Amino acid sequence: MAVVVKFMLQEIEQALNEIRPALAMHAGDVEFVSFENGILSLRFLGLCSSCPLSQMTLKMGIEVHLQQRFPDIKKVEAV
């Protein structure tokens, strides 16, 4: 079980790496915090941390992208 979780976390990090260039264009970034009970917690960094559009980016961009790849993700939230 632990091997499966570790593999999934590596895959999530890889998917986040695909998103990072778009965030970097706006001087921002995102980091993985945790994944528990289907909820993926991320932290916005750089200008994304104070951007008023970050929740839209989170829900309509990052969450949609990750849920398409990982059906086990029920929700993505910023912490």
C-alpha atoms as a PDB file:
ATOM      1  CA  MET A   1       0.000   0.000   0.000  1.00  0.00           C
ATOM      2  CA  ALA A   2       2.755   2.479   0.917  1.00  0.00           C
ATOM      3  CA  VAL A   3       4.433   1.862  -2.444  1.00  0.00           C
ATOM      4  CA  VAL A   4       1.196   2.705  -4.283  1.00  0.00           C
ATOM      5  CA  VAL A   5       0.765   5.924  -2.290  1.00  0.00           C
ATOM      6  CA  LYS A   6       4.393   6.915  -2.900  1.00  0.00           C
ATOM      7  CA  PHE A   7       3.973   6.255  -6.626  1.00  0.00           C
ATOM      8  CA  MET A   8       0.781   8.322  -6.757  1.00  0.00           C
ATOM      9  CA  LEU A   9       2.468  11.198  -4.921  1.00  0.00           C
ATOM     10  CA  GLN A  10       5.305  11.105  -7.448  1.00  0.00           C
ATOM     11  CA  GLU A  11       2.770  11.168 -10.275  1.00  0.00           C
ATOM     12  CA  ILE A  12       0.948  14.122  -8.700  1.00  0.00           C
ATOM     13  CA  GLU A  13       4.251  15.990  -8.388  1.00  0.00           C
ATOM     14  CA  GLN A  14       4.957  15.257 -12.043  1.00  0.00           C
ATOM     15  CA  ALA A  15       1.524  16.619 -13.011  1.00  0.00           C
ATOM     16  CA  LEU A  16       2.203  19.750 -10.955  1.00  0.00           C
ATOM     17  CA  ASN A  17       5.466  20.167 -12.866  1.00  0.00           C
ATOM     18  CA  GLU A  18       3.386  20.350 -16.047  1.00  0.00           C
ATOM     19  CA  ILE A  19       1.343  23.206 -14.543  1.00  0.00           C
ATOM     20  CA  ARG A  20       4.250  25.153 -13.067  1.00  0.00           C
ATOM     21  CA  PRO A  21       5.397  26.870 -16.304  1.00  0.00           C
ATOM     22  CA  ALA A  22       2.001  28.582 -16.650  1.00  0.00           C
ATOM     23  CA  LEU A  23       2.179  29.776 -13.044  1.00  0.00           C
ATOM     24  CA  ALA A  24       5.787  30.885 -13.469  1.00  0.00           C
ATOM     25  CA  MET A  25       4.710  33.147 -16.336  1.00  0.00           C
ATOM     26  CA  HIS A  26       2.890  35.136 -13.651  1.00  0.00           C
ATOM     27  CA  ALA A  27       5.750  34.918 -11.119  1.00  0.00           C
ATOM     28  CA  GLY A  28       4.007  32.214  -9.118  1.00  0.00           C
ATOM     29  CA  ASP A  29       4.279  28.575  -8.187  1.00  0.00           C
ATOM     30  CA  VAL A  30       2.470  25.852  -6.283  1.00  0.00           C
ATOM     31  CA  GLU A  31       3.742  23.236  -3.860  1.00  0.00           C
ATOM     32  CA  PHE A  32       2.330  19.935  -2.688  1.00  0.00           C
ATOM     33  CA  VAL A  33       1.315  19.927   0.982  1.00  0.00           C
ATOM     34  CA  SER A  34      -0.678  16.723   1.527  1.00  0.00           C
ATOM     35  CA  PHE A  35      -3.077  14.195   0.059  1.00  0.00           C
ATOM     36  CA  GLU A  36      -5.546  12.627   2.479  1.00  0.00           C
ATOM     37  CA  ASN A  37      -9.015  11.130   2.032  1.00  0.00           C
ATOM     38  CA  GLY A  38      -9.184  12.262  -1.578  1.00  0.00           C
ATOM     39  CA  ILE A  39      -8.338  15.882  -0.756  1.00  0.00           C
ATOM     40  CA  LEU A  40      -5.180  17.313  -2.269  1.00  0.00           C
ATOM     41  CA  SER A  41      -3.817  20.320  -0.400  1.00  0.00           C
ATOM     42  CA  LEU A  42      -1.545  22.747  -2.209  1.00  0.00           C
ATOM     43  CA  ARG A  43       0.149  26.000  -1.252  1.00  0.00           C
ATOM     44  CA  PHE A  44       0.448  28.885  -3.691  1.00  0.00           C
ATOM     45  CA  LEU A  45       3.832  30.613  -3.764  1.00  0.00           C
ATOM     46  CA  GLY A  46       5.111  33.855  -5.228  1.00  0.00           C
ATOM     47  CA  LEU A  47       2.553  36.238  -6.659  1.00  0.00           C
ATOM     48  CA  CYS A  48      -0.022  33.424  -6.816  1.00  0.00           C
ATOM     49  CA  SER A  49      -0.241  33.503  -3.014  1.00  0.00           C
ATOM     50  CA  SER A  50      -1.805  36.965  -3.081  1.00  0.00           C
ATOM     51  CA  CYS A  51      -3.553  36.914  -6.454  1.00  0.00           C
ATOM     52  CA  PRO A  52      -7.321  37.477  -6.345  1.00  0.00           C
ATOM     53  CA  LEU A  53      -7.710  34.989  -9.213  1.00  0.00           C
ATOM     54  CA  SER A  54      -5.837  32.166  -7.484  1.00  0.00           C
ATOM     55  CA  GLN A  55      -9.042  30.347  -6.462  1.00  0.00           C
ATOM     56  CA  MET A  56     -10.209  30.354 -10.076  1.00  0.00           C
ATOM     57  CA  THR A  57      -6.805  29.039 -11.158  1.00  0.00           C
ATOM     58  CA  LEU A  58      -7.045  26.377  -8.467  1.00  0.00           C
ATOM     59  CA  LYS A  59     -10.559  25.160  -9.289  1.00  0.00           C
ATOM     60  CA  MET A  60     -10.834  25.674 -13.043  1.00  0.00           C
ATOM     61  CA  GLY A  61      -7.221  24.931 -13.929  1.00  0.00           C
ATOM     62  CA  ILE A  62      -5.290  22.852 -11.446  1.00  0.00           C
ATOM     63  CA  GLU A  63      -8.190  20.834  -9.993  1.00  0.00           C
ATOM     64  CA  VAL A  64      -9.645  19.991 -13.415  1.00  0.00           C
ATOM     65  CA  HIS A  65      -6.232  18.963 -14.774  1.00  0.00           C
ATOM     66  CA  LEU A  66      -5.429  16.755 -11.786  1.00  0.00           C
ATOM     67  CA  GLN A  67      -8.878  15.149 -11.518  1.00  0.00           C
ATOM     68  CA  GLN A  68      -8.705  14.121 -15.167  1.00  0.00           C
ATOM     69  CA  ARG A  69      -5.443  12.317 -14.467  1.00  0.00           C
ATOM     70  CA  PHE A  70      -6.227  11.035 -10.989  1.00  0.00           C
ATOM     71  CA  PRO A  71      -9.830   9.963 -10.338  1.00  0.00           C
ATOM     72  CA  ASP A  72      -8.961   9.414  -6.645  1.00  0.00           C
ATOM     73  CA  ILE A  73      -8.676  13.192  -6.184  1.00  0.00           C
ATOM     74  CA  LYS A  74     -12.075  14.401  -5.045  1.00  0.00           C
ATOM     75  CA  LYS A  75     -11.075  17.981  -4.231  1.00  0.00           C
ATOM     76  CA  VAL A  76      -8.075  20.297  -4.494  1.00  0.00           C
ATOM     77  CA  GLU A  77      -7.737  23.021  -1.898  1.00  0.00           C
ATOM     78  CA  ALA A  78      -5.262  25.797  -1.131  1.00  0.00           C
ATOM     79  CA  VAL A  79      -3.845  26.013   2.371  1.00  0.00           C
END
